[in-house]
Amino acid sequence: MVKQKEHTQETTTEEQTLLVGYVRKSNAGGAIKVSINSSAFEQCSTYVTADGESYVPLVISIGALERVLSGERAVTTISQFQD
């Protein structure tokens, strides 16, 4: 009996991201420390709300942050999706 391999092709959309900084748990464990690279932050795109305030949209993976909080990982990244 000959087994046939089934080939499936998945289409994945890889989004470009800009590494902006890192998140880690404080040594005492009671806080999250956020470190932002200032030159990377300057390269980030912004958006303006209806009241005229300007914001920089950043992303942290929830799963990766949970692993940092549980002590499974030391740090995780903060990024911005790029167009």
C-alpha atoms as a PDB file:
ATOM      1  CA  MET A   1       0.000   0.000   0.000  1.00  0.00           C
ATOM      2  CA  VAL A   2       1.396   3.367  -1.041  1.00  0.00           C
ATOM      3  CA  LYS A   3       0.672   6.338   1.165  1.00  0.00           C
ATOM      4  CA  GLN A   4       0.062   9.584  -0.604  1.00  0.00           C
ATOM      5  CA  LYS A   5       1.143  12.773   1.012  1.00  0.00           C
ATOM      6  CA  GLU A   6      -1.398  15.523   0.974  1.00  0.00           C
ATOM      7  CA  HIS A   7       0.085  18.859   0.119  1.00  0.00           C
ATOM      8  CA  THR A   8      -1.741  21.871   1.402  1.00  0.00           C
ATOM      9  CA  GLN A   9      -0.716  25.378   0.709  1.00  0.00           C
ATOM     10  CA  GLU A  10      -1.507  27.942   3.341  1.00  0.00           C
ATOM     11  CA  THR A  11      -1.494  31.586   2.570  1.00  0.00           C
ATOM     12  CA  THR A  12       0.014  33.555   5.380  1.00  0.00           C
ATOM     13  CA  THR A  13       0.156  37.267   5.590  1.00  0.00           C
ATOM     14  CA  GLU A  14       3.283  38.367   7.338  1.00  0.00           C
ATOM     15  CA  GLU A  15       2.995  41.866   8.618  1.00  0.00           C
ATOM     16  CA  GLN A  16       6.052  44.065   8.808  1.00  0.00           C
ATOM     17  CA  THR A  17       6.783  45.315  12.300  1.00  0.00           C
ATOM     18  CA  LEU A  18       9.137  47.852  13.797  1.00  0.00           C
ATOM     19  CA  LEU A  19      10.782  46.797  17.064  1.00  0.00           C
ATOM     20  CA  VAL A  20      10.244  49.675  19.470  1.00  0.00           C
ATOM     21  CA  GLY A  21      11.237  48.267  22.845  1.00  0.00           C
ATOM     22  CA  TYR A  22      10.933  45.580  25.487  1.00  0.00           C
ATOM     23  CA  VAL A  23       8.710  44.685  28.439  1.00  0.00           C
ATOM     24  CA  ARG A  24       9.858  42.775  31.493  1.00  0.00           C
ATOM     25  CA  LYS A  25       8.704  42.098  35.032  1.00  0.00           C
ATOM     26  CA  SER A  26      10.460  44.102  37.752  1.00  0.00           C
ATOM     27  CA  ASN A  27      12.864  42.241  40.029  1.00  0.00           C
ATOM     28  CA  ALA A  28      10.431  42.667  42.935  1.00  0.00           C
ATOM     29  CA  GLY A  29       7.671  41.285  40.702  1.00  0.00           C
ATOM     30  CA  GLY A  30       5.148  43.987  41.483  1.00  0.00           C
ATOM     31  CA  ALA A  31       5.397  45.968  38.254  1.00  0.00           C
ATOM     32  CA  ILE A  32       5.975  45.770  34.527  1.00  0.00           C
ATOM     33  CA  LYS A  33       8.995  47.673  33.214  1.00  0.00           C
ATOM     34  CA  VAL A  34       8.729  49.157  29.739  1.00  0.00           C
ATOM     35  CA  SER A  35      11.865  50.195  27.846  1.00  0.00           C
ATOM     36  CA  ILE A  36      11.353  52.170  24.631  1.00  0.00           C
ATOM     37  CA  ASN A  37      14.160  52.839  22.171  1.00  0.00           C
ATOM     38  CA  SER A  38      13.934  56.586  21.550  1.00  0.00           C
ATOM     39  CA  SER A  39      15.217  56.503  17.959  1.00  0.00           C
ATOM     40  CA  ALA A  40      12.796  53.682  17.066  1.00  0.00           C
ATOM     41  CA  PHE A  41       9.951  55.592  18.748  1.00  0.00           C
ATOM     42  CA  GLU A  42      10.700  58.615  16.567  1.00  0.00           C
ATOM     43  CA  GLN A  43      10.251  56.398  13.477  1.00  0.00           C
ATOM     44  CA  CYS A  44       6.785  55.225  14.569  1.00  0.00           C
ATOM     45  CA  SER A  45       3.692  56.388  12.774  1.00  0.00           C
ATOM     46  CA  THR A  46       0.998  58.179  14.746  1.00  0.00           C
ATOM     47  CA  TYR A  47      -2.704  58.847  14.538  1.00  0.00           C
ATOM     48  CA  VAL A  48      -4.762  61.798  15.730  1.00  0.00           C
ATOM     49  CA  THR A  49      -8.032  61.473  17.623  1.00  0.00           C
ATOM     50  CA  ALA A  50     -11.084  63.687  17.161  1.00  0.00           C
ATOM     51  CA  ASP A  51      -9.978  65.877  20.068  1.00  0.00           C
ATOM     52  CA  GLY A  52      -6.638  66.575  18.366  1.00  0.00           C
ATOM     53  CA  GLU A  53      -4.445  64.353  20.553  1.00  0.00           C
ATOM     54  CA  SER A  54      -1.680  62.407  18.797  1.00  0.00           C
ATOM     55  CA  TYR A  55      -0.976  58.759  19.711  1.00  0.00           C
ATOM     56  CA  VAL A  56       1.569  56.086  18.761  1.00  0.00           C
ATOM     57  CA  PRO A  57      -0.129  52.678  18.338  1.00  0.00           C
ATOM     58  CA  LEU A  58       2.089  49.911  19.758  1.00  0.00           C
ATOM     59  CA  VAL A  59       1.520  46.176  20.184  1.00  0.00           C
ATOM     60  CA  ILE A  60       2.512  43.608  22.809  1.00  0.00           C
ATOM     61  CA  SER A  61       1.556  39.966  22.328  1.00  0.00           C
ATOM     62  CA  ILE A  62      -0.791  38.867  25.119  1.00  0.00           C
ATOM     63  CA  GLY A  63       0.615  35.332  25.084  1.00  0.00           C
ATOM     64  CA  ALA A  64       4.197  36.552  25.298  1.00  0.00           C
ATOM     65  CA  LEU A  65       3.288  38.991  28.084  1.00  0.00           C
ATOM     66  CA  GLU A  66       1.598  36.180  30.031  1.00  0.00           C
ATOM     67  CA  ARG A  67       4.811  34.129  29.735  1.00  0.00           C
ATOM     68  CA  VAL A  68       6.800  37.079  31.114  1.00  0.00           C
ATOM     69  CA  LEU A  69       4.362  37.477  34.002  1.00  0.00           C
ATOM     70  CA  SER A  70       4.513  33.754  34.822  1.00  0.00           C
ATOM     71  CA  GLY A  71       8.324  33.815  34.801  1.00  0.00           C
ATOM     72  CA  GLU A  72       8.583  31.524  31.772  1.00  0.00           C
ATOM     73  CA  ARG A  73      10.314  34.292  29.764  1.00  0.00           C
ATOM     74  CA  ALA A  74      12.447  37.219  30.892  1.00  0.00           C
ATOM     75  CA  VAL A  75      11.318  39.785  28.294  1.00  0.00           C
ATOM     76  CA  THR A  76       9.045  40.302  25.313  1.00  0.00           C
ATOM     77  CA  THR A  77       8.923  42.925  22.595  1.00  0.00           C
ATOM     78  CA  ILE A  78       6.913  46.046  21.940  1.00  0.00           C
ATOM     79  CA  SER A  79       6.362  46.679  18.233  1.00  0.00           C
ATOM     80  CA  GLN A  80       4.420  48.710  15.728  1.00  0.00           C
ATOM     81  CA  PHE A  81       2.815  47.264  12.630  1.00  0.00           C
ATOM     82  CA  GLN A  82       4.159  48.957   9.494  1.00  0.00           C
ATOM     83  CA  ASP A  83       2.205  49.547   6.290  1.00  0.00           C
END
